[in-house]
N, C-alpha and C. Protein backbone atom coordinates (compact mmCIF):
# COMPACT_ATOMS: atom_id res chain seq x y z
N MET A 1 63.81 102.97 123.64
CA MET A 1 64.95 102.49 122.85
C MET A 1 64.74 102.86 121.38
N LEU A 2 65.79 103.36 120.72
CA LEU A 2 65.72 103.76 119.32
C LEU A 2 65.52 102.54 118.44
N ASP A 3 64.48 102.60 117.59
CA ASP A 3 64.22 101.48 116.70
C ASP A 3 63.82 102.04 115.34
N PRO A 4 64.81 102.48 114.53
CA PRO A 4 64.49 103.18 113.28
C PRO A 4 63.95 102.24 112.23
N ASP A 5 63.10 102.82 111.34
CA ASP A 5 62.68 102.04 110.18
C ASP A 5 63.78 102.14 109.13
N ARG A 6 63.54 101.60 107.92
CA ARG A 6 64.59 101.55 106.91
C ARG A 6 65.10 102.93 106.53
N ASP A 7 64.18 103.88 106.29
CA ASP A 7 64.58 105.22 105.88
C ASP A 7 65.35 105.93 106.98
N GLU A 8 64.90 105.78 108.23
CA GLU A 8 65.58 106.43 109.36
C GLU A 8 66.97 105.83 109.55
N ALA A 9 67.09 104.52 109.40
CA ALA A 9 68.40 103.87 109.55
C ALA A 9 69.38 104.38 108.52
N ARG A 10 68.89 104.51 107.28
CA ARG A 10 69.76 105.02 106.20
C ARG A 10 70.18 106.46 106.50
N GLU A 11 69.21 107.27 106.98
CA GLU A 11 69.52 108.67 107.28
C GLU A 11 70.54 108.78 108.41
N LEU A 12 70.38 107.93 109.45
CA LEU A 12 71.35 107.93 110.55
C LEU A 12 72.74 107.58 110.05
N LEU A 13 72.82 106.60 109.18
CA LEU A 13 74.11 106.19 108.63
C LEU A 13 74.73 107.30 107.81
N GLN A 14 73.92 107.97 106.99
CA GLN A 14 74.44 109.07 106.17
C GLN A 14 74.93 110.21 107.04
N ARG A 15 74.19 110.53 108.10
CA ARG A 15 74.63 111.60 109.02
C ARG A 15 75.96 111.27 109.66
N GLU A 16 76.12 110.01 110.04
CA GLU A 16 77.38 109.59 110.67
C GLU A 16 78.55 109.73 109.70
N LEU A 17 78.32 109.38 108.44
CA LEU A 17 79.42 109.35 107.47
C LEU A 17 79.83 110.73 106.97
N VAL A 18 79.01 111.77 107.20
CA VAL A 18 79.41 113.10 106.76
C VAL A 18 80.24 113.83 107.82
N LYS A 19 80.47 113.21 108.96
CA LYS A 19 81.30 113.83 109.99
C LYS A 19 82.72 114.01 109.48
N PRO A 20 83.46 115.05 109.95
CA PRO A 20 84.79 115.36 109.43
C PRO A 20 85.76 114.20 109.47
N ASP A 21 85.68 113.36 110.51
CA ASP A 21 86.63 112.26 110.63
C ASP A 21 86.57 111.29 109.47
N TYR A 22 85.40 111.25 108.78
CA TYR A 22 85.26 110.31 107.68
C TYR A 22 85.58 110.93 106.32
N ASN A 23 85.91 112.22 106.33
CA ASN A 23 86.14 112.91 105.06
C ASN A 23 87.60 113.19 104.80
N ARG A 24 88.48 112.33 105.28
CA ARG A 24 89.91 112.43 105.02
C ARG A 24 90.24 111.62 103.78
N PRO A 25 91.44 111.83 103.17
CA PRO A 25 91.83 111.01 102.02
C PRO A 25 91.72 109.53 102.34
N GLU A 26 91.14 108.76 101.44
CA GLU A 26 90.84 107.37 101.73
C GLU A 26 92.08 106.48 101.64
N SER A 27 92.27 105.67 102.65
CA SER A 27 93.29 104.64 102.60
C SER A 27 92.65 103.40 101.97
N LEU A 28 93.48 102.40 101.73
CA LEU A 28 92.96 101.15 101.19
C LEU A 28 91.93 100.53 102.14
N LEU A 29 92.22 100.62 103.44
CA LEU A 29 91.28 100.10 104.44
C LEU A 29 89.95 100.84 104.37
N GLN A 30 90.02 102.18 104.25
CA GLN A 30 88.80 102.97 104.21
C GLN A 30 87.98 102.67 102.95
N LYS A 31 88.67 102.47 101.83
CA LYS A 31 87.95 102.15 100.59
C LYS A 31 87.21 100.82 100.73
N GLY A 32 87.90 99.84 101.32
CA GLY A 32 87.27 98.55 101.53
C GLY A 32 86.08 98.66 102.47
N LEU A 33 86.24 99.49 103.50
CA LEU A 33 85.14 99.67 104.46
C LEU A 33 83.96 100.36 103.79
N ASN A 34 84.24 101.35 102.93
CA ASN A 34 83.16 102.04 102.23
C ASN A 34 82.37 101.07 101.36
N TRP A 35 83.10 100.16 100.71
CA TRP A 35 82.41 99.16 99.88
C TRP A 35 81.49 98.30 100.76
N LEU A 36 82.00 97.89 101.93
CA LEU A 36 81.21 97.08 102.85
C LEU A 36 79.97 97.85 103.32
N LEU A 37 80.17 99.14 103.62
CA LEU A 37 79.04 99.95 104.08
C LEU A 37 77.96 100.07 103.01
N GLU A 38 78.38 100.20 101.75
CA GLU A 38 77.39 100.27 100.67
C GLU A 38 76.57 98.99 100.59
N ARG A 39 77.25 97.85 100.71
CA ARG A 39 76.53 96.57 100.66
C ARG A 39 75.58 96.44 101.84
N LEU A 40 76.05 96.84 103.03
CA LEU A 40 75.19 96.73 104.21
C LEU A 40 74.04 97.72 104.13
N GLY A 41 74.31 98.89 103.54
CA GLY A 41 73.24 99.87 103.35
C GLY A 41 72.15 99.33 102.44
N ASP A 42 72.56 98.62 101.38
CA ASP A 42 71.58 97.98 100.48
C ASP A 42 70.77 96.94 101.23
N LEU A 43 71.45 96.22 102.14
CA LEU A 43 70.75 95.19 102.91
C LEU A 43 69.69 95.82 103.80
N ILE A 44 70.02 96.97 104.42
CA ILE A 44 69.04 97.65 105.27
C ILE A 44 67.82 98.05 104.46
N GLN A 45 68.06 98.51 103.22
CA GLN A 45 66.95 98.97 102.38
C GLN A 45 65.95 97.85 102.07
N ILE A 46 66.47 96.64 101.88
CA ILE A 46 65.57 95.56 101.49
C ILE A 46 64.99 94.81 102.68
N MET A 47 65.44 95.17 103.90
CA MET A 47 64.92 94.49 105.10
C MET A 47 63.48 94.92 105.34
N PRO A 48 62.64 94.01 105.75
CA PRO A 48 61.23 94.36 105.97
C PRO A 48 61.04 95.17 107.25
N GLY A 49 60.42 96.35 107.09
CA GLY A 49 59.96 97.14 108.23
C GLY A 49 60.98 97.46 109.30
N SER A 50 60.49 97.87 110.45
CA SER A 50 61.31 98.22 111.59
C SER A 50 61.34 97.06 112.56
N ASN A 51 62.55 96.58 112.85
CA ASN A 51 62.66 95.50 113.82
C ASN A 51 64.00 95.56 114.53
N GLY A 52 64.18 94.70 115.52
CA GLY A 52 65.41 94.72 116.30
C GLY A 52 66.63 94.38 115.48
N LEU A 53 66.45 93.55 114.43
CA LEU A 53 67.59 93.16 113.62
C LEU A 53 68.18 94.35 112.87
N SER A 54 67.33 95.25 112.38
CA SER A 54 67.83 96.43 111.66
C SER A 54 68.64 97.31 112.60
N MET A 55 68.18 97.42 113.85
CA MET A 55 68.91 98.21 114.84
C MET A 55 70.26 97.58 115.13
N LEU A 56 70.30 96.25 115.26
CA LEU A 56 71.54 95.54 115.51
C LEU A 56 72.51 95.72 114.35
N LEU A 57 72.01 95.63 113.14
CA LEU A 57 72.85 95.78 111.96
C LEU A 57 73.41 97.19 111.88
N LEU A 58 72.58 98.18 112.18
CA LEU A 58 73.06 99.56 112.18
C LEU A 58 74.16 99.74 113.21
N GLY A 59 73.98 99.13 114.39
CA GLY A 59 75.01 99.24 115.42
C GLY A 59 76.32 98.62 114.99
N VAL A 60 76.25 97.48 114.30
CA VAL A 60 77.45 96.82 113.80
C VAL A 60 78.16 97.71 112.79
N ILE A 61 77.39 98.32 111.89
CA ILE A 61 77.97 99.20 110.87
C ILE A 61 78.70 100.37 111.52
N LEU A 62 78.04 101.03 112.45
CA LEU A 62 78.65 102.19 113.11
C LEU A 62 79.89 101.78 113.90
N ALA A 63 79.86 100.59 114.51
CA ALA A 63 81.03 100.11 115.24
C ALA A 63 82.19 99.87 114.30
N LEU A 64 81.92 99.29 113.14
CA LEU A 64 82.97 99.06 112.14
C LEU A 64 83.56 100.37 111.65
N VAL A 65 82.70 101.35 111.42
CA VAL A 65 83.17 102.67 110.99
C VAL A 65 84.07 103.29 112.05
N ALA A 66 83.64 103.21 113.31
CA ALA A 66 84.42 103.79 114.39
C ALA A 66 85.79 103.14 114.51
N VAL A 67 85.83 101.81 114.40
CA VAL A 67 87.11 101.10 114.48
C VAL A 67 88.02 101.50 113.33
N ALA A 68 87.45 101.61 112.13
CA ALA A 68 88.26 102.00 110.97
C ALA A 68 88.83 103.39 111.14
N VAL A 69 88.03 104.31 111.66
CA VAL A 69 88.51 105.69 111.85
C VAL A 69 89.64 105.73 112.88
N VAL A 70 89.48 104.96 113.94
CA VAL A 70 90.53 104.92 114.97
C VAL A 70 91.85 104.48 114.35
N PHE A 71 91.82 103.40 113.57
CA PHE A 71 93.05 102.90 112.95
C PHE A 71 93.59 103.88 111.91
N ALA A 72 92.71 104.52 111.15
CA ALA A 72 93.17 105.46 110.13
C ALA A 72 93.83 106.67 110.78
N VAL A 73 93.19 107.20 111.83
CA VAL A 73 93.76 108.37 112.52
C VAL A 73 95.07 108.02 113.18
N ARG A 74 95.09 106.83 113.82
CA ARG A 74 96.31 106.40 114.50
C ARG A 74 97.45 106.21 113.49
N GLY A 75 97.13 105.64 112.34
CA GLY A 75 98.14 105.42 111.32
C GLY A 75 98.68 106.72 110.76
N SER A 76 97.80 107.68 110.47
CA SER A 76 98.26 108.96 109.92
C SER A 76 99.05 109.74 110.96
N ARG A 77 98.64 109.63 112.23
CA ARG A 77 99.38 110.33 113.29
C ARG A 77 100.77 109.74 113.45
N ARG A 78 100.87 108.41 113.39
CA ARG A 78 102.18 107.76 113.50
C ARG A 78 103.07 108.14 112.33
N SER A 79 102.45 108.23 111.14
CA SER A 79 103.22 108.61 109.96
C SER A 79 103.77 110.01 110.11
N ARG A 80 102.95 110.94 110.64
CA ARG A 80 103.42 112.31 110.86
C ARG A 80 104.52 112.34 111.90
N GLN A 81 104.38 111.53 112.95
CA GLN A 81 105.41 111.51 113.99
C GLN A 81 106.74 111.03 113.44
N LEU A 82 106.69 109.97 112.60
CA LEU A 82 107.94 109.46 112.03
C LEU A 82 108.57 110.49 111.11
N THR A 83 107.72 111.24 110.39
CA THR A 83 108.25 112.28 109.50
C THR A 83 108.88 113.39 110.32
N ASP A 84 108.22 113.77 111.43
CA ASP A 84 108.74 114.85 112.25
C ASP A 84 110.00 114.45 113.00
N ARG A 85 110.11 113.17 113.34
CA ARG A 85 111.24 112.70 114.14
C ARG A 85 112.42 112.34 113.24
N SER A 86 112.95 113.33 112.57
CA SER A 86 114.15 113.13 111.78
C SER A 86 114.93 114.43 111.78
N GLY A 87 116.21 114.33 111.57
CA GLY A 87 117.06 115.51 111.58
C GLY A 87 118.41 115.15 111.02
N PRO A 88 119.34 116.09 111.05
CA PRO A 88 120.67 115.83 110.49
C PRO A 88 121.40 114.73 111.25
N VAL A 89 122.12 113.91 110.51
CA VAL A 89 122.89 112.83 111.13
C VAL A 89 124.10 113.39 111.85
N LEU A 90 124.79 114.32 111.20
CA LEU A 90 126.02 114.87 111.78
C LEU A 90 125.74 116.23 112.41
N ALA A 91 125.30 116.19 113.66
CA ALA A 91 125.01 117.43 114.38
C ALA A 91 126.24 117.98 115.08
N GLU A 92 127.27 117.15 115.23
CA GLU A 92 128.50 117.58 115.90
C GLU A 92 129.52 118.03 114.87
N VAL A 93 130.32 119.00 115.24
CA VAL A 93 131.29 119.57 114.31
C VAL A 93 132.69 119.03 114.61
N GLY A 94 133.43 118.73 113.55
CA GLY A 94 134.84 118.40 113.71
C GLY A 94 135.17 116.95 113.97
N LEU A 95 134.18 116.05 113.94
CA LEU A 95 134.46 114.64 114.18
C LEU A 95 134.57 113.90 112.84
N SER A 96 135.57 113.05 112.74
CA SER A 96 135.80 112.28 111.52
C SER A 96 135.12 110.92 111.62
N ALA A 97 135.13 110.20 110.50
CA ALA A 97 134.59 108.83 110.52
C ALA A 97 135.37 107.98 111.52
N ARG A 98 136.67 108.18 111.59
CA ARG A 98 137.49 107.43 112.54
C ARG A 98 137.07 107.73 113.98
N ASP A 99 136.76 108.99 114.25
CA ASP A 99 136.31 109.37 115.60
C ASP A 99 135.02 108.64 115.97
N TYR A 100 134.08 108.62 115.03
CA TYR A 100 132.80 107.95 115.30
C TYR A 100 132.99 106.44 115.48
N ARG A 101 133.89 105.87 114.69
CA ARG A 101 134.15 104.43 114.83
C ARG A 101 134.76 104.12 116.19
N ALA A 102 135.66 104.99 116.65
CA ALA A 102 136.27 104.79 117.97
C ALA A 102 135.20 104.88 119.06
N ARG A 103 134.26 105.82 118.93
CA ARG A 103 133.19 105.94 119.91
C ARG A 103 132.29 104.71 119.87
N ALA A 104 132.00 104.21 118.66
CA ALA A 104 131.16 103.02 118.54
C ALA A 104 131.85 101.81 119.17
N ALA A 105 133.15 101.70 118.99
CA ALA A 105 133.89 100.58 119.57
C ALA A 105 133.86 100.64 121.10
N ALA A 106 134.04 101.85 121.64
CA ALA A 106 134.00 102.02 123.09
C ALA A 106 132.61 101.69 123.64
N ALA A 107 131.58 102.12 122.92
CA ALA A 107 130.21 101.84 123.35
C ALA A 107 129.91 100.35 123.29
N ALA A 108 130.47 99.66 122.29
CA ALA A 108 130.26 98.21 122.16
C ALA A 108 130.88 97.47 123.33
N ARG A 109 132.05 97.91 123.76
CA ARG A 109 132.70 97.26 124.91
C ARG A 109 131.88 97.41 126.17
N GLU A 110 131.10 98.48 126.25
CA GLU A 110 130.27 98.75 127.43
C GLU A 110 128.83 98.27 127.25
N GLY A 111 128.53 97.71 126.09
CA GLY A 111 127.18 97.21 125.86
C GLY A 111 126.14 98.29 125.62
N ARG A 112 126.57 99.47 125.19
CA ARG A 112 125.63 100.57 124.92
C ARG A 112 125.26 100.51 123.43
N TRP A 113 124.28 99.67 123.12
CA TRP A 113 123.99 99.36 121.72
C TRP A 113 123.32 100.51 120.97
N ASP A 114 122.58 101.34 121.68
CA ASP A 114 122.03 102.53 121.03
C ASP A 114 123.15 103.39 120.47
N ASP A 115 124.17 103.63 121.30
CA ASP A 115 125.29 104.48 120.88
C ASP A 115 126.11 103.82 119.78
N VAL A 116 126.23 102.50 119.85
CA VAL A 116 126.96 101.78 118.79
C VAL A 116 126.27 102.00 117.45
N LEU A 117 124.96 101.84 117.44
CA LEU A 117 124.21 102.00 116.19
C LEU A 117 124.31 103.43 115.67
N LEU A 118 124.08 104.40 116.56
CA LEU A 118 124.09 105.80 116.15
C LEU A 118 125.45 106.23 115.63
N ASP A 119 126.52 105.91 116.37
CA ASP A 119 127.85 106.35 115.95
C ASP A 119 128.35 105.58 114.72
N SER A 120 127.88 104.36 114.55
CA SER A 120 128.25 103.61 113.34
C SER A 120 127.63 104.24 112.11
N TYR A 121 126.37 104.67 112.23
CA TYR A 121 125.74 105.34 111.08
C TYR A 121 126.36 106.71 110.86
N ARG A 122 126.70 107.38 111.94
CA ARG A 122 127.40 108.67 111.78
C ARG A 122 128.75 108.49 111.10
N ALA A 123 129.40 107.36 111.37
CA ALA A 123 130.66 107.06 110.69
C ALA A 123 130.44 106.90 109.20
N ILE A 124 129.34 106.26 108.82
CA ILE A 124 128.99 106.13 107.41
C ILE A 124 128.80 107.51 106.79
N ALA A 125 128.08 108.37 107.50
CA ALA A 125 127.82 109.72 106.99
C ALA A 125 129.11 110.52 106.88
N ALA A 126 129.95 110.45 107.91
CA ALA A 126 131.20 111.21 107.89
C ALA A 126 132.12 110.71 106.78
N ALA A 127 132.17 109.40 106.58
CA ALA A 127 132.99 108.83 105.50
C ALA A 127 132.45 109.25 104.14
N THR A 128 131.15 109.38 104.04
CA THR A 128 130.54 109.86 102.80
C THR A 128 131.03 111.26 102.47
N ASP A 129 131.12 112.09 103.49
CA ASP A 129 131.62 113.46 103.31
C ASP A 129 133.11 113.45 102.96
N GLU A 130 133.87 112.65 103.68
CA GLU A 130 135.31 112.60 103.45
C GLU A 130 135.65 112.06 102.06
N ARG A 131 134.83 111.18 101.55
CA ARG A 131 135.08 110.61 100.23
C ARG A 131 134.36 111.38 99.12
N ALA A 132 133.68 112.46 99.50
CA ALA A 132 132.96 113.32 98.54
C ALA A 132 131.98 112.52 97.68
N LEU A 133 131.20 111.65 98.33
CA LEU A 133 130.26 110.81 97.60
C LEU A 133 128.92 111.50 97.38
N LEU A 134 128.61 112.50 98.20
CA LEU A 134 127.40 113.29 98.03
C LEU A 134 127.77 114.76 97.92
N ASP A 135 126.99 115.50 97.16
CA ASP A 135 127.32 116.90 96.92
C ASP A 135 127.16 117.76 98.18
N GLU A 136 126.06 117.54 98.91
CA GLU A 136 125.81 118.35 100.11
C GLU A 136 125.49 117.43 101.28
N LEU A 137 126.35 117.47 102.29
CA LEU A 137 126.12 116.60 103.44
C LEU A 137 125.63 117.33 104.69
N PRO A 138 126.14 118.54 105.00
CA PRO A 138 125.67 119.20 106.23
C PRO A 138 124.14 119.33 106.26
N GLY A 139 123.54 118.91 107.36
CA GLY A 139 122.09 118.98 107.50
C GLY A 139 121.33 117.84 106.86
N THR A 140 122.04 116.90 106.25
CA THR A 140 121.39 115.80 105.56
C THR A 140 120.86 114.77 106.56
N THR A 141 119.68 114.26 106.30
CA THR A 141 119.07 113.28 107.20
C THR A 141 119.58 111.87 106.87
N ALA A 142 119.26 110.94 107.75
CA ALA A 142 119.70 109.56 107.56
C ALA A 142 119.14 108.97 106.28
N HIS A 143 117.87 109.23 106.00
CA HIS A 143 117.26 108.68 104.79
C HIS A 143 117.82 109.33 103.53
N GLU A 144 118.12 110.61 103.59
CA GLU A 144 118.72 111.28 102.43
C GLU A 144 120.09 110.70 102.12
N ILE A 145 120.84 110.38 103.16
CA ILE A 145 122.15 109.75 102.95
C ILE A 145 121.97 108.37 102.33
N ALA A 146 121.05 107.59 102.88
CA ALA A 146 120.81 106.24 102.36
C ALA A 146 120.39 106.29 100.89
N LEU A 147 119.51 107.21 100.54
CA LEU A 147 119.06 107.31 99.16
C LEU A 147 120.20 107.80 98.25
N GLY A 148 121.01 108.74 98.75
CA GLY A 148 122.12 109.25 97.96
C GLY A 148 123.18 108.21 97.70
N LEU A 149 123.37 107.29 98.64
CA LEU A 149 124.42 106.28 98.50
C LEU A 149 123.98 105.08 97.66
N ARG A 150 122.74 105.10 97.18
CA ARG A 150 122.31 104.01 96.30
C ARG A 150 123.09 103.99 94.99
N VAL A 151 123.54 105.18 94.54
CA VAL A 151 124.28 105.24 93.28
C VAL A 151 125.69 104.68 93.44
N PRO A 152 126.48 105.16 94.40
CA PRO A 152 127.82 104.60 94.53
C PRO A 152 127.84 103.18 95.10
N PHE A 153 126.82 102.79 95.88
CA PHE A 153 126.80 101.46 96.49
C PHE A 153 125.45 100.77 96.22
N PRO A 154 125.15 100.47 94.97
CA PRO A 154 123.83 99.91 94.65
C PRO A 154 123.56 98.56 95.32
N ASP A 155 124.61 97.78 95.57
CA ASP A 155 124.43 96.46 96.19
C ASP A 155 124.04 96.55 97.66
N HIS A 156 124.21 97.73 98.25
CA HIS A 156 123.94 97.90 99.69
C HIS A 156 122.76 98.84 99.94
N ALA A 157 121.97 99.12 98.90
CA ALA A 157 120.87 100.08 99.03
C ALA A 157 119.87 99.66 100.10
N GLU A 158 119.50 98.39 100.11
CA GLU A 158 118.51 97.92 101.09
C GLU A 158 119.06 97.98 102.51
N ALA A 159 120.32 97.59 102.68
CA ALA A 159 120.94 97.63 104.01
C ALA A 159 121.06 99.07 104.51
N LEU A 160 121.36 100.01 103.60
CA LEU A 160 121.47 101.42 103.98
C LEU A 160 120.12 101.98 104.43
N LEU A 161 119.07 101.62 103.71
CA LEU A 161 117.74 102.11 104.08
C LEU A 161 117.32 101.54 105.43
N GLY A 162 117.62 100.26 105.67
CA GLY A 162 117.31 99.67 106.97
C GLY A 162 118.08 100.34 108.09
N ALA A 163 119.36 100.65 107.83
CA ALA A 163 120.17 101.33 108.85
C ALA A 163 119.64 102.73 109.12
N ALA A 164 119.18 103.41 108.07
CA ALA A 164 118.61 104.76 108.24
C ALA A 164 117.35 104.70 109.09
N ASN A 165 116.51 103.70 108.83
CA ASN A 165 115.29 103.53 109.64
C ASN A 165 115.64 103.31 111.11
N ASP A 166 116.65 102.46 111.35
CA ASP A 166 117.06 102.18 112.73
C ASP A 166 117.64 103.43 113.38
N PHE A 167 118.42 104.20 112.63
CA PHE A 167 119.01 105.42 113.17
C PHE A 167 117.92 106.38 113.63
N ASP A 168 116.94 106.64 112.76
CA ASP A 168 115.87 107.57 113.12
C ASP A 168 115.04 107.04 114.29
N GLY A 169 114.80 105.73 114.28
CA GLY A 169 114.01 105.15 115.36
C GLY A 169 114.68 105.29 116.72
N VAL A 170 116.00 105.13 116.75
CA VAL A 170 116.74 105.23 118.01
C VAL A 170 116.99 106.69 118.38
N CYS A 171 117.40 107.49 117.39
CA CYS A 171 117.80 108.87 117.67
C CYS A 171 116.61 109.79 117.94
N TYR A 172 115.54 109.62 117.18
CA TYR A 172 114.42 110.55 117.27
C TYR A 172 113.13 109.91 117.76
N GLY A 173 113.09 108.60 117.85
CA GLY A 173 111.90 107.92 118.34
C GLY A 173 112.15 107.28 119.69
N ASP A 174 111.38 106.23 119.98
CA ASP A 174 111.51 105.54 121.26
C ASP A 174 112.04 104.13 121.07
N GLN A 175 112.70 103.89 119.95
CA GLN A 175 113.24 102.56 119.66
C GLN A 175 114.55 102.35 120.41
N ARG A 176 114.77 101.13 120.86
CA ARG A 176 116.04 100.75 121.47
C ARG A 176 116.74 99.76 120.54
N ALA A 177 118.05 99.95 120.39
CA ALA A 177 118.81 99.07 119.50
C ALA A 177 119.22 97.79 120.22
N SER A 178 119.05 96.68 119.54
CA SER A 178 119.57 95.42 120.05
C SER A 178 121.03 95.30 119.64
N ARG A 179 121.73 94.35 120.25
CA ARG A 179 123.12 94.12 119.86
C ARG A 179 123.21 93.75 118.38
N GLN A 180 122.30 92.91 117.93
CA GLN A 180 122.33 92.46 116.53
C GLN A 180 122.14 93.64 115.58
N GLU A 181 121.18 94.52 115.88
CA GLU A 181 120.93 95.68 115.02
C GLU A 181 122.13 96.61 114.99
N ALA A 182 122.71 96.86 116.17
CA ALA A 182 123.86 97.76 116.26
C ALA A 182 125.06 97.19 115.50
N GLU A 183 125.32 95.90 115.68
CA GLU A 183 126.46 95.29 114.99
C GLU A 183 126.23 95.23 113.48
N ARG A 184 124.98 95.13 113.07
CA ARG A 184 124.68 95.12 111.64
C ARG A 184 125.04 96.46 110.99
N VAL A 185 124.72 97.56 111.67
CA VAL A 185 125.07 98.89 111.13
C VAL A 185 126.59 99.10 111.19
N ARG A 186 127.20 98.61 112.26
CA ARG A 186 128.65 98.71 112.39
C ARG A 186 129.36 97.94 111.28
N GLU A 187 128.86 96.75 110.97
CA GLU A 187 129.44 95.95 109.89
C GLU A 187 129.21 96.62 108.54
N LEU A 188 128.06 97.25 108.37
CA LEU A 188 127.79 97.96 107.12
C LEU A 188 128.80 99.09 106.92
N ASP A 189 129.13 99.78 107.99
CA ASP A 189 130.15 100.83 107.90
C ASP A 189 131.49 100.23 107.45
N ARG A 190 131.86 99.08 108.03
CA ARG A 190 133.13 98.43 107.64
C ARG A 190 133.12 98.05 106.16
N VAL A 191 132.01 97.49 105.71
CA VAL A 191 131.90 97.04 104.32
C VAL A 191 131.99 98.21 103.36
N LEU A 192 131.26 99.29 103.67
CA LEU A 192 131.27 100.46 102.79
C LEU A 192 132.64 101.13 102.77
N ALA A 193 133.30 101.13 103.91
CA ALA A 193 134.63 101.76 103.98
C ALA A 193 135.62 101.03 103.08
N ALA A 194 135.43 99.73 102.91
CA ALA A 194 136.35 98.94 102.09
C ALA A 194 135.90 98.85 100.63
N ALA A 195 134.67 99.26 100.35
CA ALA A 195 134.12 99.11 99.00
C ALA A 195 134.51 100.29 98.11
N ARG A 196 134.68 99.98 96.85
CA ARG A 196 134.95 101.03 95.88
C ARG A 196 133.63 101.51 95.29
N PRO A 197 133.34 102.79 95.36
CA PRO A 197 132.07 103.30 94.83
C PRO A 197 131.91 102.97 93.35
N ALA A 198 130.72 102.64 92.94
CA ALA A 198 130.45 102.21 91.56
C ALA A 198 130.81 103.28 90.55
N ARG A 199 130.49 104.53 90.84
CA ARG A 199 130.76 105.58 89.87
C ARG A 199 132.24 105.85 89.69
N LEU A 200 133.05 105.54 90.75
CA LEU A 200 134.50 105.68 90.62
C LEU A 200 135.08 104.52 89.82
N ALA A 201 134.43 103.37 89.93
CA ALA A 201 134.94 102.19 89.23
C ALA A 201 134.80 102.35 87.72
N LEU A 202 133.89 103.25 87.27
CA LEU A 202 133.67 103.45 85.84
C LEU A 202 134.72 104.37 85.22
N ARG A 203 135.48 105.05 86.05
CA ARG A 203 136.45 106.02 85.52
C ARG A 203 137.70 105.33 84.98
């Protein structure tokens, strides 16, 4: 059974930490873990001789490092997936905001909440184009629309960003829309359709 002395334990720890998985940009979690590792490394140095406790402590340290790496890799992978899972809101040609609202209403009657949410957000996007609220709409993503509409509708910026998140989650991810979520986006479309854009109100 491996039973390293203080110098060997430190060397084993250093070898583990130079592996590629540990040399990625540090997250807040990783920085905190590095601080903990430094303190535990100091503890190993002052421990007397080679004994079972030093081996146990080294095992705990390596286990903590492994857990942190798993979470860091999983988090960065999920972030990349969410970034990749986005695309234009209006992929169909020739449909108006009224058309999307009619589809959302039909889907609501049938309880198809995914479609209600998607077509309600598409109605927001189509109305944005019809009202010339953004300079370039074709190919625009849900988040780009939400960010662009913060100027004409500053009071609804948070609701728009939430709706954009839901749109991407349902359209490009594995999220399913609840009735409440779908109706919330549908109501947001109604509110924005009736609202006067802020920049027009200044004219």
